[in-house]
C-alpha atoms as a PDB file:
ATOM      1  CA  MET A   1      15.567 -34.595 -33.173  1.00  0.00           C
ATOM      2  CA  LEU A   2      12.460 -34.530 -35.399  1.00  0.00           C
ATOM      3  CA  LYS A   3      11.316 -38.077 -34.566  1.00  0.00           C
ATOM      4  CA  LEU A   4      11.465 -37.473 -30.684  1.00  0.00           C
ATOM      5  CA  ASN A   5       9.961 -33.918 -30.956  1.00  0.00           C
ATOM      6  CA  LYS A   6       6.999 -35.241 -33.106  1.00  0.00           C
ATOM      7  CA  ARG A   7       6.387 -38.100 -30.559  1.00  0.00           C
ATOM      8  CA  LEU A   8       6.673 -35.431 -27.565  1.00  0.00           C
ATOM      9  CA  LEU A   9       4.392 -33.073 -29.211  1.00  0.00           C
ATOM     10  CA  GLY A  10       1.898 -35.633 -30.184  1.00  0.00           C
ATOM     11  CA  ALA A  11       1.759 -36.802 -26.635  1.00  0.00           C
ATOM     12  CA  ALA A  12       1.592 -33.253 -25.344  1.00  0.00           C
ATOM     13  CA  GLY A  13      -1.134 -32.349 -27.695  1.00  0.00           C
ATOM     14  CA  ALA A  14      -3.019 -35.551 -26.734  1.00  0.00           C
ATOM     15  CA  LEU A  15      -2.560 -34.784 -23.074  1.00  0.00           C
ATOM     16  CA  VAL A  16      -3.709 -31.086 -23.539  1.00  0.00           C
ATOM     17  CA  ALA A  17      -6.885 -31.976 -25.435  1.00  0.00           C
ATOM     18  CA  ALA A  18      -7.805 -34.699 -22.846  1.00  0.00           C
ATOM     19  CA  VAL A  19      -7.061 -32.503 -20.137  1.00  0.00           C
ATOM     20  CA  SER A  20      -9.238 -29.630 -21.542  1.00  0.00           C
ATOM     21  CA  LEU A  21     -12.068 -32.157 -22.261  1.00  0.00           C
ATOM     22  CA  THR A  22     -11.699 -33.466 -18.725  1.00  0.00           C
ATOM     23  CA  VAL A  23     -12.122 -30.177 -17.341  1.00  0.00           C
ATOM     24  CA  THR A  24     -15.242 -29.316 -19.344  1.00  0.00           C
ATOM     25  CA  GLY A  25     -16.591 -32.745 -18.798  1.00  0.00           C
ATOM     26  CA  LEU A  26     -16.162 -32.494 -15.031  1.00  0.00           C
ATOM     27  CA  THR A  27     -18.058 -29.344 -14.906  1.00  0.00           C
ATOM     28  CA  ALA A  28     -21.068 -30.859 -16.642  1.00  0.00           C
ATOM     29  CA  ALA A  29     -20.625 -34.135 -14.803  1.00  0.00           C
ATOM     30  CA  SER A  30     -20.563 -32.538 -11.358  1.00  0.00           C
ATOM     31  CA  ALA A  31     -23.938 -30.924 -11.794  1.00  0.00           C
ATOM     32  CA  GLY A  32     -25.921 -34.420 -11.490  1.00  0.00           C
ATOM     33  CA  SER A  33     -28.579 -36.082 -13.284  1.00  0.00           C
ATOM     34  CA  THR A  34     -30.641 -32.814 -13.530  1.00  0.00           C
ATOM     35  CA  GLY A  35     -28.517 -31.627 -16.284  1.00  0.00           C
ATOM     36  CA  SER A  36     -26.043 -28.825 -16.103  1.00  0.00           C
ATOM     37  CA  SER A  37     -23.568 -26.877 -17.991  1.00  0.00           C
ATOM     38  CA  GLY A  38     -20.727 -24.481 -17.369  1.00  0.00           C
ATOM     39  CA  THR A  39     -17.046 -23.753 -18.054  1.00  0.00           C
ATOM     40  CA  GLU A  40     -14.304 -25.941 -16.402  1.00  0.00           C
ATOM     41  CA  PHE A  41     -10.578 -25.154 -16.167  1.00  0.00           C
ATOM     42  CA  LEU A  42      -7.879 -27.930 -16.096  1.00  0.00           C
ATOM     43  CA  GLN A  43      -4.063 -28.172 -15.694  1.00  0.00           C
ATOM     44  CA  ALA A  44      -1.786 -31.020 -16.148  1.00  0.00           C
ATOM     45  CA  MET A  45       1.727 -31.399 -15.539  1.00  0.00           C
ATOM     46  CA  SER A  46       4.451 -33.850 -16.230  1.00  0.00           C
ATOM     47  CA  THR A  47       8.151 -34.191 -15.850  1.00  0.00           C
ATOM     48  CA  SER A  48       8.239 -37.603 -17.631  1.00  0.00           C
ATOM     49  CA  ALA A  49       8.803 -37.689 -21.430  1.00  0.00           C
ATOM     50  CA  THR A  50       8.331 -41.477 -21.362  1.00  0.00           C
ATOM     51  CA  SER A  51       5.164 -41.975 -19.316  1.00  0.00           C
ATOM     52  CA  THR A  52       1.807 -42.850 -20.991  1.00  0.00           C
ATOM     53  CA  THR A  53      -0.181 -41.423 -18.266  1.00  0.00           C
ATOM     54  CA  GLN A  54      -0.180 -37.787 -16.645  1.00  0.00           C
ATOM     55  CA  PRO A  55      -1.979 -36.608 -13.474  1.00  0.00           C
ATOM     56  CA  VAL A  56      -4.691 -33.828 -13.952  1.00  0.00           C
ATOM     57  CA  ILE A  57      -6.363 -31.515 -11.721  1.00  0.00           C
ATOM     58  CA  VAL A  58      -9.683 -29.890 -12.839  1.00  0.00           C
ATOM     59  CA  ARG A  59     -11.552 -26.925 -11.039  1.00  0.00           C
ATOM     60  CA  GLY A  60     -14.485 -24.466 -11.676  1.00  0.00           C
ATOM     61  CA  VAL A  61     -18.020 -25.647 -11.507  1.00  0.00           C
ATOM     62  CA  PHE A  62     -16.572 -29.027 -10.337  1.00  0.00           C
ATOM     63  CA  ALA A  63     -13.243 -30.060  -8.804  1.00  0.00           C
ATOM     64  CA  ASP A  64     -11.734 -33.426  -9.251  1.00  0.00           C
ATOM     65  CA  TYR A  65      -8.526 -35.310  -9.912  1.00  0.00           C
ATOM     66  CA  GLY A  66      -7.395 -38.343 -11.852  1.00  0.00           C
ATOM     67  CA  VAL A  67      -5.207 -39.768 -14.696  1.00  0.00           C
ATOM     68  CA  ASP A  68      -5.069 -39.013 -18.357  1.00  0.00           C
ATOM     69  CA  HIS A  69      -4.264 -42.111 -20.509  1.00  0.00           C
ATOM     70  CA  SER A  70      -2.756 -40.399 -23.541  1.00  0.00           C
ATOM     71  CA  GLY A  71      -3.485 -41.482 -27.239  1.00  0.00           C
ATOM     72  CA  ASP A  72      -2.458 -40.049 -30.675  1.00  0.00           C
ATOM     73  CA  THR A  73      -5.849 -38.343 -31.148  1.00  0.00           C
ATOM     74  CA  VAL A  74      -7.983 -39.487 -28.415  1.00  0.00           C
ATOM     75  CA  ASP A  75      -7.092 -39.739 -24.686  1.00  0.00           C
ATOM     76  CA  THR A  76      -9.111 -41.386 -21.836  1.00  0.00           C
ATOM     77  CA  PHE A  77      -9.636 -39.575 -18.521  1.00  0.00           C
ATOM     78  CA  VAL A  78     -10.056 -41.813 -15.568  1.00  0.00           C
ATOM     79  CA  LEU A  79     -11.318 -39.645 -12.644  1.00  0.00           C
ATOM     80  CA  GLN A  80     -12.668 -40.375  -9.119  1.00  0.00           C
ATOM     81  CA  LYS A  81     -16.363 -40.592 -10.276  1.00  0.00           C
ATOM     82  CA  GLY A  82     -16.147 -41.922 -13.929  1.00  0.00           C
ATOM     83  CA  SER A  83     -14.300 -41.591 -17.212  1.00  0.00           C
ATOM     84  CA  PHE A  84     -14.717 -40.002 -20.525  1.00  0.00           C
ATOM     85  CA  LYS A  85     -12.920 -39.765 -23.995  1.00  0.00           C
ATOM     86  CA  VAL A  86     -11.216 -36.591 -25.273  1.00  0.00           C
ATOM     87  CA  ALA A  87     -10.511 -36.077 -28.962  1.00  0.00           C
ATOM     88  CA  HIS A  88      -7.963 -33.439 -29.642  1.00  0.00           C
ATOM     89  CA  SER A  89      -6.591 -31.734 -32.599  1.00  0.00           C
ATOM     90  CA  PRO A  90      -2.869 -31.546 -33.435  1.00  0.00           C
ATOM     91  CA  GLY A  91      -1.294 -28.534 -31.785  1.00  0.00           C
ATOM     92  CA  THR A  92      -0.223 -25.694 -33.677  1.00  0.00           C
ATOM     93  CA  GLY A  93       2.144 -22.896 -32.750  1.00  0.00           C
ATOM     94  CA  PRO A  94       5.988 -22.013 -32.505  1.00  0.00           C
ATOM     95  CA  GLN A  95       8.736 -24.383 -31.678  1.00  0.00           C
ATOM     96  CA  HIS A  96      12.476 -23.559 -31.258  1.00  0.00           C
ATOM     97  CA  PHE A  97      15.207 -25.995 -31.061  1.00  0.00           C
ATOM     98  CA  ASP A  98      18.760 -24.709 -30.146  1.00  0.00           C
ATOM     99  CA  PRO A  99      21.416 -27.177 -31.445  1.00  0.00           C
ATOM    100  CA  LYS A 100      24.076 -25.758 -29.251  1.00  0.00           C
ATOM    101  CA  THR A 101      22.413 -26.292 -25.960  1.00  0.00           C
ATOM    102  CA  CYS A 102      19.846 -29.157 -27.219  1.00  0.00           C
ATOM    103  CA  LEU A 103      17.098 -26.986 -25.474  1.00  0.00           C
ATOM    104  CA  ASN A 104      13.655 -27.451 -27.331  1.00  0.00           C
ATOM    105  CA  THR A 105      10.903 -24.836 -26.525  1.00  0.00           C
ATOM    106  CA  VAL A 106       7.508 -25.524 -27.661  1.00  0.00           C
ATOM    107  CA  ASN A 107       4.295 -23.379 -27.235  1.00  0.00           C
ATOM    108  CA  GLN A 108       1.155 -24.660 -28.928  1.00  0.00           C
ATOM    109  CA  HIS A 109      -2.631 -24.569 -28.885  1.00  0.00           C
ATOM    110  CA  GLY A 110      -5.682 -26.440 -30.284  1.00  0.00           C
ATOM    111  CA  THR A 111      -9.140 -27.720 -29.846  1.00  0.00           C
ATOM    112  CA  TYR A 112     -10.718 -30.586 -28.147  1.00  0.00           C
ATOM    113  CA  ARG A 113     -14.124 -32.390 -27.775  1.00  0.00           C
ATOM    114  CA  ILE A 114     -15.426 -34.495 -24.877  1.00  0.00           C
ATOM    115  CA  PHE A 115     -17.667 -37.574 -25.394  1.00  0.00           C
ATOM    116  CA  HIS A 116     -18.465 -41.254 -24.274  1.00  0.00           C
ATOM    117  CA  GLY A 117     -18.616 -40.700 -20.630  1.00  0.00           C
ATOM    118  CA  THR A 118     -19.132 -43.519 -18.029  1.00  0.00           C
ATOM    119  CA  GLY A 119     -20.236 -43.329 -14.354  1.00  0.00           C
ATOM    120  CA  LYS A 120     -21.105 -39.665 -13.297  1.00  0.00           C
ATOM    121  CA  TYR A 121     -20.059 -38.532 -16.592  1.00  0.00           C
ATOM    122  CA  ALA A 122     -22.452 -40.683 -18.827  1.00  0.00           C
ATOM    123  CA  GLY A 123     -23.721 -38.633 -21.621  1.00  0.00           C
ATOM    124  CA  ILE A 124     -21.318 -35.969 -21.121  1.00  0.00           C
ATOM    125  CA  HIS A 125     -20.316 -33.627 -24.126  1.00  0.00           C
ATOM    126  CA  GLY A 126     -18.292 -30.636 -24.558  1.00  0.00           C
ATOM    127  CA  HIS A 127     -15.533 -28.577 -26.384  1.00  0.00           C
ATOM    128  CA  GLY A 128     -12.884 -26.058 -25.763  1.00  0.00           C
ATOM    129  CA  THR A 129      -9.282 -24.948 -26.381  1.00  0.00           C
ATOM    130  CA  TYR A 130      -5.969 -25.893 -24.736  1.00  0.00           C
ATOM    131  CA  HIS A 131      -2.331 -24.503 -24.576  1.00  0.00           C
ATOM    132  CA  VAL A 132       0.664 -26.452 -24.238  1.00  0.00           C
ATOM    133  CA  SER A 133       3.874 -25.297 -22.849  1.00  0.00           C
ATOM    134  CA  LEU A 134       6.899 -27.805 -23.293  1.00  0.00           C
ATOM    135  CA  LEU A 135      10.436 -27.348 -22.501  1.00  0.00           C
ATOM    136  CA  PHE A 136      12.956 -30.036 -22.681  1.00  0.00           C
ATOM    137  CA  PHE A 137      16.882 -30.688 -22.996  1.00  0.00           C
ATOM    138  CA  ALA A 138      17.656 -33.481 -25.463  1.00  0.00           C
ATOM    139  CA  ALA A 139      20.184 -36.110 -24.427  1.00  0.00           C
ATOM    140  CA  ARG A 140      23.628 -35.987 -26.260  1.00  0.00           C
ATOM    141  CA  VAL A 141      25.205 -38.921 -27.863  1.00  0.00           C
ATOM    142  CA  ALA A 142      28.542 -38.451 -29.127  1.00  0.00           C
ATOM    143  CA  GLY A 143      28.311 -34.626 -28.564  1.00  0.00           C
ATOM    144  CA  LYS A 144      25.281 -34.205 -30.510  1.00  0.00           C
ATOM    145  CA  CYS A 145      21.597 -33.674 -29.669  1.00  0.00           C
ATOM    146  CA  SER A 146      19.940 -37.180 -29.710  1.00  0.00           C
ATOM    147  CA  ASP A 147      16.566 -37.616 -31.400  1.00  0.00           C
ATOM    148  CA  THR A 148      16.226 -41.211 -30.195  1.00  0.00           C
ATOM    149  CA  LYS A 149      17.167 -40.949 -26.507  1.00  0.00           C
ATOM    150  CA  PRO A 150      14.713 -39.726 -23.793  1.00  0.00           C
ATOM    151  CA  PRO A 151      15.362 -36.090 -22.847  1.00  0.00           C
ATOM    152  CA  VAL A 152      17.588 -35.523 -19.763  1.00  0.00           C
ATOM    153  CA  ALA A 153      15.273 -32.750 -18.468  1.00  0.00           C
ATOM    154  CA  PHE A 154      11.529 -32.432 -19.316  1.00  0.00           C
ATOM    155  CA  GLN A 155       8.612 -30.112 -18.231  1.00  0.00           C
ATOM    156  CA  LEU A 156       5.108 -30.046 -19.656  1.00  0.00           C
ATOM    157  CA  ILE A 157       2.237 -27.834 -18.781  1.00  0.00           C
ATOM    158  CA  ILE A 158      -1.224 -27.917 -20.251  1.00  0.00           C
ATOM    159  CA  ARG A 159      -3.955 -25.624 -19.574  1.00  0.00           C
ATOM    160  CA  ALA A 160      -7.413 -25.820 -21.071  1.00  0.00           C
ATOM    161  CA  SER A 161     -10.845 -24.670 -20.691  1.00  0.00           C
ATOM    162  CA  GLY A 162     -14.243 -24.764 -22.455  1.00  0.00           C
ATOM    163  CA  PRO A 163     -18.003 -25.460 -22.054  1.00  0.00           C
ATOM    164  CA  VAL A 164     -19.452 -28.771 -21.158  1.00  0.00           C
ATOM    165  CA  SER A 165     -22.994 -30.318 -20.753  1.00  0.00           C
ATOM    166  CA  LEU A 166     -24.085 -33.412 -18.693  1.00  0.00           C
ATOM    167  CA  PRO A 167     -27.823 -34.485 -19.221  1.00  0.00           C
END
């Protein structure tokens, strides 16, 4: 169970950081070339433990949507008007696994920073915090919870916010 949990938490952390950065980056990017800054809010959700991309929605000073390409420590957000990189810290916080039901509950938080924008997000930079809420039921193999099979049910919600600037 530990191998799968680490991979899922890593992916979740990456997504959260990326989403947080995207939200922050989008706020600055939406201001245009005159330069602006503000706080952006982001939410990402996934029901797939095996996908390497997740949909994201950002709102606040700027509203947009796109896809997060998850990485171990750096994600790439590809939105309608450009893209940017989001570097994120590993998540920290409680995790509980019930070996009787195979249910894993994870609540973690961390930090991120946004950089290397393209298109409307060229020159973007920012930082912020994220929160990950992850619930999943591990598959069973021979009556035991599997740490190698994908979960049979999976729900990931990431919320992030923070300040961003765009020149």
